[in-house]
Amino acid sequence: MSLPVLHWGFLALALLLANLPWLSQRCFLILQCDTKSVWLRLLEWLVLYFVVGGMALLLEQRTMGSIYPQAWEFYAVTLALFMVFAFPGFIYRHVR
């Protein structure tokens, strides 16, 4: 599989996982919940942010051979990007 295909696939997976807490009624994709509070959705979203970050580190390790060290600014930007990715699901859940 070529590198651009892996990158686009990873971005599509990150977009899906960022929206999943807002679109699904399941708690952490396992348990069926009757009502999910906003706080539980935010906690699930934060956990999925760390899951996507771990997958990104694994992808970088596999494709580049080593993990480039990052400062806190990088993680702040990735958190903001994950928030932007979650915007369609949030709008679907709370505005529609």
PDB file of N, CA and C in Angstrom:
ATOM      1  N   MET A   1       0.846  -1.156   0.000  1.00  0.00           N
ATOM      2  CA  MET A   1       0.000   0.000   0.000  1.00  0.00           C
ATOM      3  C   MET A   1       0.904   1.236   0.000  1.00  0.00           C
ATOM      4  N   SER A   2       0.565   2.215  -0.813  1.00  0.00           N
ATOM      5  CA  SER A   2       1.413   3.394  -0.925  1.00  0.00           C
ATOM      6  C   SER A   2       1.187   4.333   0.258  1.00  0.00           C
ATOM      7  N   LEU A   3       2.146   5.219   0.455  1.00  0.00           N
ATOM      8  CA  LEU A   3       2.105   6.138   1.589  1.00  0.00           C
ATOM      9  C   LEU A   3       0.935   7.120   1.525  1.00  0.00           C
ATOM     10  N   PRO A   4       0.618   7.715   0.368  1.00  0.00           N
ATOM     11  CA  PRO A   4      -0.550   8.618   0.338  1.00  0.00           C
ATOM     12  C   PRO A   4      -1.865   7.914   0.659  1.00  0.00           C
ATOM     13  N   VAL A   5      -1.998   6.671   0.269  1.00  0.00           N
ATOM     14  CA  VAL A   5      -3.213   5.918   0.582  1.00  0.00           C
ATOM     15  C   VAL A   5      -3.325   5.708   2.089  1.00  0.00           C
ATOM     16  N   LEU A   6      -2.198   5.409   2.745  1.00  0.00           N
ATOM     17  CA  LEU A   6      -2.205   5.256   4.198  1.00  0.00           C
ATOM     18  C   LEU A   6      -2.572   6.571   4.889  1.00  0.00           C
ATOM     19  N   HIS A   7      -2.037   7.673   4.398  1.00  0.00           N
ATOM     20  CA  HIS A   7      -2.335   8.973   5.012  1.00  0.00           C
ATOM     21  C   HIS A   7      -3.809   9.335   4.870  1.00  0.00           C
ATOM     22  N   TRP A   8      -4.349   9.179   3.675  1.00  0.00           N
ATOM     23  CA  TRP A   8      -5.767   9.513   3.469  1.00  0.00           C
ATOM     24  C   TRP A   8      -6.671   8.558   4.238  1.00  0.00           C
ATOM     25  N   GLY A   9      -6.291   7.298   4.307  1.00  0.00           N
ATOM     26  CA  GLY A   9      -7.066   6.335   5.089  1.00  0.00           C
ATOM     27  C   GLY A   9      -7.042   6.664   6.571  1.00  0.00           C
ATOM     28  N   PHE A  10      -5.889   7.094   7.066  1.00  0.00           N
ATOM     29  CA  PHE A  10      -5.784   7.478   8.473  1.00  0.00           C
ATOM     30  C   PHE A  10      -6.640   8.712   8.758  1.00  0.00           C
ATOM     31  N   LEU A  11      -6.623   9.703   7.873  1.00  0.00           N
ATOM     32  CA  LEU A  11      -7.452  10.895   8.066  1.00  0.00           C
ATOM     33  C   LEU A  11      -8.937  10.554   8.041  1.00  0.00           C
ATOM     34  N   ALA A  12      -9.340   9.648   7.148  1.00  0.00           N
ATOM     35  CA  ALA A  12     -10.744   9.227   7.099  1.00  0.00           C
ATOM     36  C   ALA A  12     -11.130   8.497   8.388  1.00  0.00           C
ATOM     37  N   LEU A  13     -10.242   7.655   8.900  1.00  0.00           N
ATOM     38  CA  LEU A  13     -10.511   6.948  10.151  1.00  0.00           C
ATOM     39  C   LEU A  13     -10.587   7.926  11.328  1.00  0.00           C
ATOM     40  N   ALA A  14      -9.710   8.935  11.347  1.00  0.00           N
ATOM     41  CA  ALA A  14      -9.748   9.947  12.405  1.00  0.00           C
ATOM     42  C   ALA A  14     -11.054  10.736  12.340  1.00  0.00           C
ATOM     43  N   LEU A  15     -11.505  11.054  11.143  1.00  0.00           N
ATOM     44  CA  LEU A  15     -12.775  11.767  10.982  1.00  0.00           C
ATOM     45  C   LEU A  15     -13.935  10.918  11.482  1.00  0.00           C
ATOM     46  N   LEU A  16     -13.923   9.643  11.173  1.00  0.00           N
ATOM     47  CA  LEU A  16     -14.976   8.745  11.640  1.00  0.00           C
ATOM     48  C   LEU A  16     -14.959   8.613  13.161  1.00  0.00           C
ATOM     49  N   LEU A  17     -13.781   8.417  13.739  1.00  0.00           N
ATOM     50  CA  LEU A  17     -13.694   8.239  15.192  1.00  0.00           C
ATOM     51  C   LEU A  17     -14.002   9.522  15.951  1.00  0.00           C
ATOM     52  N   ALA A  18     -13.731  10.675  15.366  1.00  0.00           N
ATOM     53  CA  ALA A  18     -14.060  11.939  16.035  1.00  0.00           C
ATOM     54  C   ALA A  18     -15.563  12.144  16.102  1.00  0.00           C
ATOM     55  N   ASN A  19     -16.305  11.644  15.125  1.00  0.00           N
ATOM     56  CA  ASN A  19     -17.756  11.819  15.089  1.00  0.00           C
ATOM     57  C   ASN A  19     -18.518  10.692  15.778  1.00  0.00           C
ATOM     58  N   LEU A  20     -17.878   9.589  16.045  1.00  0.00           N
ATOM     59  CA  LEU A  20     -18.561   8.418  16.581  1.00  0.00           C
ATOM     60  C   LEU A  20     -19.258   8.650  17.927  1.00  0.00           C
ATOM     61  N   PRO A  21     -18.673   9.364  18.890  1.00  0.00           N
ATOM     62  CA  PRO A  21     -19.399   9.567  20.152  1.00  0.00           C
ATOM     63  C   PRO A  21     -20.697  10.343  19.984  1.00  0.00           C
ATOM     64  N   TRP A  22     -20.779  11.194  18.997  1.00  0.00           N
ATOM     65  CA  TRP A  22     -21.970  12.017  18.804  1.00  0.00           C
ATOM     66  C   TRP A  22     -23.027  11.278  17.995  1.00  0.00           C
ATOM     67  N   LEU A  23     -22.630  10.310  17.188  1.00  0.00           N
ATOM     68  CA  LEU A  23     -23.575   9.618  16.315  1.00  0.00           C
ATOM     69  C   LEU A  23     -24.073   8.302  16.883  1.00  0.00           C
ATOM     70  N   SER A  24     -23.369   7.749  17.846  1.00  0.00           N
ATOM     71  CA  SER A  24     -23.708   6.434  18.382  1.00  0.00           C
ATOM     72  C   SER A  24     -24.286   6.552  19.789  1.00  0.00           C
ATOM     73  N   GLN A  25     -25.222   5.684  20.123  1.00  0.00           N
ATOM     74  CA  GLN A  25     -25.776   5.618  21.473  1.00  0.00           C
ATOM     75  C   GLN A  25     -25.008   4.638  22.358  1.00  0.00           C
ATOM     76  N   ARG A  26     -24.049   3.944  21.794  1.00  0.00           N
ATOM     77  CA  ARG A  26     -23.275   2.986  22.580  1.00  0.00           C
ATOM     78  C   ARG A  26     -22.201   3.694  23.381  1.00  0.00           C
ATOM     79  N   CYS A  27     -22.009   3.243  24.623  1.00  0.00           N
ATOM     80  CA  CYS A  27     -20.973   3.801  25.486  1.00  0.00           C
ATOM     81  C   CYS A  27     -19.649   3.108  25.176  1.00  0.00           C
ATOM     82  N   PHE A  28     -18.694   3.859  24.721  1.00  0.00           N
ATOM     83  CA  PHE A  28     -17.374   3.354  24.351  1.00  0.00           C
ATOM     84  C   PHE A  28     -17.452   2.206  23.343  1.00  0.00           C
ATOM     85  N   LEU A  29     -18.424   2.281  22.470  1.00  0.00           N
ATOM     86  CA  LEU A  29     -18.626   1.344  21.356  1.00  0.00           C
ATOM     87  C   LEU A  29     -18.939  -0.074  21.800  1.00  0.00           C
ATOM     88  N   ILE A  30     -19.191  -0.285  23.089  1.00  0.00           N
ATOM     89  CA  ILE A  30     -19.430  -1.644  23.595  1.00  0.00           C
ATOM     90  C   ILE A  30     -20.805  -1.765  24.232  1.00  0.00           C
ATOM     91  N   LEU A  31     -21.101  -0.927  25.223  1.00  0.00           N
ATOM     92  CA  LEU A  31     -22.321  -1.049  26.012  1.00  0.00           C
ATOM     93  C   LEU A  31     -23.449  -0.210  25.418  1.00  0.00           C
ATOM     94  N   GLN A  32     -24.636  -0.747  25.426  1.00  0.00           N
ATOM     95  CA  GLN A  32     -25.802   0.001  24.970  1.00  0.00           C
ATOM     96  C   GLN A  32     -26.281   0.903  26.091  1.00  0.00           C
ATOM     97  N   CYS A  33     -26.364   2.210  25.837  1.00  0.00           N
ATOM     98  CA  CYS A  33     -26.818   3.188  26.833  1.00  0.00           C
ATOM     99  C   CYS A  33     -28.179   3.720  26.420  1.00  0.00           C
ATOM    100  N   ASP A  34     -29.080   3.856  27.403  1.00  0.00           N
ATOM    101  CA  ASP A  34     -30.378   4.452  27.100  1.00  0.00           C
ATOM    102  C   ASP A  34     -30.227   5.938  26.830  1.00  0.00           C
ATOM    103  N   THR A  35     -29.533   6.620  27.714  1.00  0.00           N
ATOM    104  CA  THR A  35     -29.262   8.048  27.520  1.00  0.00           C
ATOM    105  C   THR A  35     -27.782   8.289  27.795  1.00  0.00           C
ATOM    106  N   LYS A  36     -27.164   8.998  26.896  1.00  0.00           N
ATOM    107  CA  LYS A  36     -25.759   9.354  27.046  1.00  0.00           C
ATOM    108  C   LYS A  36     -25.683  10.844  27.334  1.00  0.00           C
ATOM    109  N   SER A  37     -25.065  11.203  28.444  1.00  0.00           N
ATOM    110  CA  SER A  37     -24.938  12.623  28.769  1.00  0.00           C
ATOM    111  C   SER A  37     -23.847  13.250  27.911  1.00  0.00           C
ATOM    112  N   VAL A  38     -23.848  14.557  27.890  1.00  0.00           N
ATOM    113  CA  VAL A  38     -22.830  15.282  27.121  1.00  0.00           C
ATOM    114  C   VAL A  38     -21.447  15.005  27.691  1.00  0.00           C
ATOM    115  N   TRP A  39     -21.351  14.877  29.012  1.00  0.00           N
ATOM    116  CA  TRP A  39     -20.060  14.622  29.644  1.00  0.00           C
ATOM    117  C   TRP A  39     -19.505  13.257  29.264  1.00  0.00           C
ATOM    118  N   LEU A  40     -20.374  12.278  29.169  1.00  0.00           N
ATOM    119  CA  LEU A  40     -19.923  10.957  28.747  1.00  0.00           C
ATOM    120  C   LEU A  40     -19.475  10.979  27.292  1.00  0.00           C
ATOM    121  N   ARG A  41     -20.183  11.716  26.458  1.00  0.00           N
ATOM    122  CA  ARG A  41     -19.776  11.856  25.054  1.00  0.00           C
ATOM    123  C   ARG A  41     -18.426  12.554  24.945  1.00  0.00           C
ATOM    124  N   LEU A  42     -18.197  13.591  25.769  1.00  0.00           N
ATOM    125  CA  LEU A  42     -16.912  14.291  25.742  1.00  0.00           C
ATOM    126  C   LEU A  42     -15.778  13.392  26.244  1.00  0.00           C
ATOM    127  N   LEU A  43     -16.047  12.603  27.277  1.00  0.00           N
ATOM    128  CA  LEU A  43     -15.034  11.672  27.769  1.00  0.00           C
ATOM    129  C   LEU A  43     -14.698  10.630  26.703  1.00  0.00           C
ATOM    130  N   GLU A  44     -15.723  10.093  26.061  1.00  0.00           N
ATOM    131  CA  GLU A  44     -15.505   9.120  24.994  1.00  0.00           C
ATOM    132  C   GLU A  44     -14.730   9.743  23.843  1.00  0.00           C
ATOM    133  N   TRP A  45     -15.050  10.990  23.510  1.00  0.00           N
ATOM    134  CA  TRP A  45     -14.350  11.699  22.437  1.00  0.00           C
ATOM    135  C   TRP A  45     -12.872  11.875  22.789  1.00  0.00           C
ATOM    136  N   LEU A  46     -12.574  12.213  24.055  1.00  0.00           N
ATOM    137  CA  LEU A  46     -11.189  12.406  24.486  1.00  0.00           C
ATOM    138  C   LEU A  46     -10.421  11.087  24.453  1.00  0.00           C
ATOM    139  N   VAL A  47     -11.054  10.016  24.871  1.00  0.00           N
ATOM    140  CA  VAL A  47     -10.403   8.701  24.807  1.00  0.00           C
ATOM    141  C   VAL A  47     -10.104   8.337  23.353  1.00  0.00           C
ATOM    142  N   LEU A  48     -11.050   8.606  22.463  1.00  0.00           N
ATOM    143  CA  LEU A  48     -10.818   8.311  21.046  1.00  0.00           C
ATOM    144  C   LEU A  48      -9.729   9.207  20.453  1.00  0.00           C
ATOM    145  N   TYR A  49      -9.554  10.419  20.982  1.00  0.00           N
ATOM    146  CA  TYR A  49      -8.440  11.270  20.552  1.00  0.00           C
ATOM    147  C   TYR A  49      -7.112  10.582  20.856  1.00  0.00           C
ATOM    148  N   PHE A  50      -6.996  10.003  22.055  1.00  0.00           N
ATOM    149  CA  PHE A  50      -5.765   9.312  22.406  1.00  0.00           C
ATOM    150  C   PHE A  50      -5.587   8.019  21.603  1.00  0.00           C
ATOM    151  N   VAL A  51      -6.665   7.356  21.257  1.00  0.00           N
ATOM    152  CA  VAL A  51      -6.582   6.163  20.411  1.00  0.00           C
ATOM    153  C   VAL A  51      -6.055   6.543  19.027  1.00  0.00           C
ATOM    154  N   VAL A  52      -6.593   7.618  18.452  1.00  0.00           N
ATOM    155  CA  VAL A  52      -6.131   8.075  17.139  1.00  0.00           C
ATOM    156  C   VAL A  52      -4.673   8.515  17.225  1.00  0.00           C
ATOM    157  N   GLY A  53      -4.294   9.177  18.319  1.00  0.00           N
ATOM    158  CA  GLY A  53      -2.897   9.571  18.496  1.00  0.00           C
ATOM    159  C   GLY A  53      -1.965   8.379  18.573  1.00  0.00           C
ATOM    160  N   GLY A  54      -2.396   7.341  19.265  1.00  0.00           N
ATOM    161  CA  GLY A  54      -1.595   6.114  19.317  1.00  0.00           C
ATOM    162  C   GLY A  54      -1.461   5.450  17.962  1.00  0.00           C
ATOM    163  N   MET A  55      -2.547   5.446  17.198  1.00  0.00           N
ATOM    164  CA  MET A  55      -2.481   4.885  15.847  1.00  0.00           C
ATOM    165  C   MET A  55      -1.567   5.726  14.962  1.00  0.00           C
ATOM    166  N   ALA A  56      -1.555   7.045  15.164  1.00  0.00           N
ATOM    167  CA  ALA A  56      -0.670   7.920  14.393  1.00  0.00           C
ATOM    168  C   ALA A  56       0.788   7.637  14.728  1.00  0.00           C
ATOM    169  N   LEU A  57       1.080   7.430  16.002  1.00  0.00           N
ATOM    170  CA  LEU A  57       2.452   7.080  16.382  1.00  0.00           C
ATOM    171  C   LEU A  57       2.868   5.742  15.777  1.00  0.00           C
ATOM    172  N   LEU A  58       1.969   4.780  15.797  1.00  0.00           N
ATOM    173  CA  LEU A  58       2.261   3.475  15.198  1.00  0.00           C
ATOM    174  C   LEU A  58       2.484   3.598  13.694  1.00  0.00           C
ATOM    175  N   LEU A  59       1.645   4.380  13.026  1.00  0.00           N
ATOM    176  CA  LEU A  59       1.799   4.587  11.587  1.00  0.00           C
ATOM    177  C   LEU A  59       3.126   5.276  11.279  1.00  0.00           C
ATOM    178  N   GLU A  60       3.495   6.274  12.078  1.00  0.00           N
ATOM    179  CA  GLU A  60       4.767   6.961  11.868  1.00  0.00           C
ATOM    180  C   GLU A  60       5.944   6.016  12.096  1.00  0.00           C
ATOM    181  N   GLN A  61       5.853   5.190  13.120  1.00  0.00           N
ATOM    182  CA  GLN A  61       6.921   4.227  13.393  1.00  0.00           C
ATOM    183  C   GLN A  61       7.072   3.236  12.250  1.00  0.00           C
ATOM    184  N   ARG A  62       5.953   2.760  11.720  1.00  0.00           N
ATOM    185  CA  ARG A  62       6.009   1.759  10.644  1.00  0.00           C
ATOM    186  C   ARG A  62       6.492   2.339   9.320  1.00  0.00           C
ATOM    187  N   THR A  63       6.080   3.568   9.012  1.00  0.00           N
ATOM    188  CA  THR A  63       6.424   4.127   7.702  1.00  0.00           C
ATOM    189  C   THR A  63       7.771   4.851   7.696  1.00  0.00           C
ATOM    190  N   MET A  64       8.112   5.542   8.792  1.00  0.00           N
ATOM    191  CA  MET A  64       9.334   6.344   8.823  1.00  0.00           C
ATOM    192  C   MET A  64      10.498   5.641   9.521  1.00  0.00           C
ATOM    193  N   GLY A  65      10.209   4.673  10.360  1.00  0.00           N
ATOM    194  CA  GLY A  65      11.256   3.954  11.060  1.00  0.00           C
ATOM    195  C   GLY A  65      11.519   4.467  12.463  1.00  0.00           C
ATOM    196  N   SER A  66      11.148   5.699  12.743  1.00  0.00           N
ATOM    197  CA  SER A  66      11.308   6.254  14.088  1.00  0.00           C
ATOM    198  C   SER A  66      10.227   7.310  14.311  1.00  0.00           C
ATOM    199  N   ILE A  67      10.032   7.647  15.576  1.00  0.00           N
ATOM    200  CA  ILE A  67       9.023   8.643  15.930  1.00  0.00           C
ATOM    201  C   ILE A  67       9.742   9.957  16.194  1.00  0.00           C
ATOM    202  N   TYR A  68       9.341  10.998  15.485  1.00  0.00           N
ATOM    203  CA  TYR A  68       9.940  12.311  15.652  1.00  0.00           C
ATOM    204  C   TYR A  68       9.413  12.948  16.934  1.00  0.00           C
ATOM    205  N   PRO A  69      10.294  13.449  17.792  1.00  0.00           N
ATOM    206  CA  PRO A  69       9.815  14.057  19.050  1.00  0.00           C
ATOM    207  C   PRO A  69       9.056  15.360  18.787  1.00  0.00           C
ATOM    208  N   GLN A  70       7.959  15.551  19.495  1.00  0.00           N
ATOM    209  CA  GLN A  70       7.108  16.732  19.328  1.00  0.00           C
ATOM    210  C   GLN A  70       6.996  17.485  20.648  1.00  0.00           C
ATOM    211  N   ALA A  71       6.761  18.787  20.538  1.00  0.00           N
ATOM    212  CA  ALA A  71       6.531  19.619  21.722  1.00  0.00           C
ATOM    213  C   ALA A  71       5.029  19.713  21.980  1.00  0.00           C
ATOM    214  N   TRP A  72       4.654  20.429  23.030  1.00  0.00           N
ATOM    215  CA  TRP A  72       3.255  20.519  23.419  1.00  0.00           C
ATOM    216  C   TRP A  72       2.415  21.215  22.353  1.00  0.00           C
ATOM    217  N   GLU A  73       3.012  22.102  21.562  1.00  0.00           N
ATOM    218  CA  GLU A  73       2.265  22.828  20.536  1.00  0.00           C
ATOM    219  C   GLU A  73       1.660  21.882  19.504  1.00  0.00           C
ATOM    220  N   PHE A  74       2.408  20.846  19.158  1.00  0.00           N
ATOM    221  CA  PHE A  74       1.922  19.865  18.192  1.00  0.00           C
ATOM    222  C   PHE A  74       0.664  19.186  18.705  1.00  0.00           C
ATOM    223  N   TYR A  75       0.661  18.805  19.963  1.00  0.00           N
ATOM    224  CA  TYR A  75      -0.494  18.110  20.528  1.00  0.00           C
ATOM    225  C   TYR A  75      -1.678  19.047  20.699  1.00  0.00           C
ATOM    226  N   ALA A  76      -1.422  20.315  20.970  1.00  0.00           N
ATOM    227  CA  ALA A  76      -2.515  21.290  21.037  1.00  0.00           C
ATOM    228  C   ALA A  76      -3.168  21.467  19.667  1.00  0.00           C
ATOM    229  N   VAL A  77      -2.366  21.480  18.621  1.00  0.00           N
ATOM    230  CA  VAL A  77      -2.910  21.615  17.265  1.00  0.00           C
ATOM    231  C   VAL A  77      -3.674  20.362  16.865  1.00  0.00           C
ATOM    232  N   THR A  78      -3.160  19.179  17.204  1.00  0.00           N
ATOM    233  CA  THR A  78      -3.884  17.963  16.848  1.00  0.00           C
ATOM    234  C   THR A  78      -5.204  17.849  17.615  1.00  0.00           C
ATOM    235  N   LEU A  79      -5.235  18.318  18.863  1.00  0.00           N
ATOM    236  CA  LEU A  79      -6.488  18.326  19.622  1.00  0.00           C
ATOM    237  C   LEU A  79      -7.498  19.271  18.972  1.00  0.00           C
ATOM    238  N   ALA A  80      -7.021  20.436  18.539  1.00  0.00           N
ATOM    239  CA  ALA A  80      -7.913  21.377  17.855  1.00  0.00           C
ATOM    240  C   ALA A  80      -8.411  20.798  16.535  1.00  0.00           C
ATOM    241  N   LEU A  81      -7.548  20.096  15.816  1.00  0.00           N
ATOM    242  CA  LEU A  81      -7.969  19.467  14.561  1.00  0.00           C
ATOM    243  C   LEU A  81      -8.993  18.363  14.825  1.00  0.00           C
ATOM    244  N   PHE A  82      -8.811  17.614  15.898  1.00  0.00           N
ATOM    245  CA  PHE A  82      -9.783  16.569  16.243  1.00  0.00           C
ATOM    246  C   PHE A  82     -11.119  17.190  16.621  1.00  0.00           C
ATOM    247  N   MET A  83     -11.086  18.381  17.251  1.00  0.00           N
ATOM    248  CA  MET A  83     -12.334  19.108  17.534  1.00  0.00           C
ATOM    249  C   MET A  83     -13.035  19.515  16.252  1.00  0.00           C
ATOM    250  N   VAL A  84     -12.282  19.985  15.295  1.00  0.00           N
ATOM    251  CA  VAL A  84     -12.871  20.375  14.010  1.00  0.00           C
ATOM    252  C   VAL A  84     -13.448  19.153  13.303  1.00  0.00           C
ATOM    253  N   PHE A  85     -12.758  18.034  13.393  1.00  0.00           N
ATOM    254  CA  PHE A  85     -13.277  16.802  12.800  1.00  0.00           C
ATOM    255  C   PHE A  85     -14.599  16.393  13.441  1.00  0.00           C
ATOM    256  N   ALA A  86     -14.784  16.644  14.740  1.00  0.00           N
ATOM    257  CA  ALA A  86     -15.988  16.232  15.459  1.00  0.00           C
ATOM    258  C   ALA A  86     -17.152  17.197  15.267  1.00  0.00           C
ATOM    259  N   PHE A  87     -16.933  18.312  14.619  1.00  0.00           N
ATOM    260  CA  PHE A  87     -17.972  19.327  14.476  1.00  0.00           C
ATOM    261  C   PHE A  87     -19.230  18.826  13.766  1.00  0.00           C
ATOM    262  N   PRO A  88     -19.137  18.076  12.661  1.00  0.00           N
ATOM    263  CA  PRO A  88     -20.379  17.604  12.012  1.00  0.00           C
ATOM    264  C   PRO A  88     -21.229  16.711  12.911  1.00  0.00           C
ATOM    265  N   GLY A  89     -20.612  15.817  13.654  1.00  0.00           N
ATOM    266  CA  GLY A  89     -21.366  14.951  14.560  1.00  0.00           C
ATOM    267  C   GLY A  89     -21.995  15.719  15.703  1.00  0.00           C
ATOM    268  N   PHE A  90     -21.272  16.700  16.235  1.00  0.00           N
ATOM    269  CA  PHE A  90     -21.800  17.533  17.309  1.00  0.00           C
ATOM    270  C   PHE A  90     -23.007  18.330  16.831  1.00  0.00           C
ATOM    271  N   ILE A  91     -22.909  18.908  15.651  1.00  0.00           N
ATOM    272  CA  ILE A  91     -24.033  19.671  15.081  1.00  0.00           C
ATOM    273  C   ILE A  91     -25.216  18.745  14.832  1.00  0.00           C
ATOM    274  N   TYR A  92     -24.961  17.560  14.325  1.00  0.00           N
ATOM    275  CA  TYR A  92     -26.031  16.596  14.064  1.00  0.00           C
ATOM    276  C   TYR A  92     -26.769  16.230  15.359  1.00  0.00           C
ATOM    277  N   ARG A  93     -26.011  16.042  16.447  1.00  0.00           N
ATOM    278  CA  ARG A  93     -26.599  15.610  17.715  1.00  0.00           C
ATOM    279  C   ARG A  93     -27.329  16.741  18.448  1.00  0.00           C
ATOM    280  N   HIS A  94     -26.734  17.925  18.502  1.00  0.00           N
ATOM    281  CA  HIS A  94     -27.256  18.959  19.407  1.00  0.00           C
ATOM    282  C   HIS A  94     -27.997  20.096  18.711  1.00  0.00           C
ATOM    283  N   VAL A  95     -27.792  20.314  17.447  1.00  0.00           N
ATOM    284  CA  VAL A  95     -28.481  21.422  16.777  1.00  0.00           C
ATOM    285  C   VAL A  95     -29.659  20.914  15.946  1.00  0.00           C
ATOM    286  N   ARG A  96     -29.468  19.782  15.319  1.00  0.00           N
ATOM    287  CA  ARG A  96     -30.537  19.224  14.489  1.00  0.00           C
ATOM    288  C   ARG A  96     -31.585  18.695  15.381  1.00  0.00           C
TER     289      ARG A  96
END
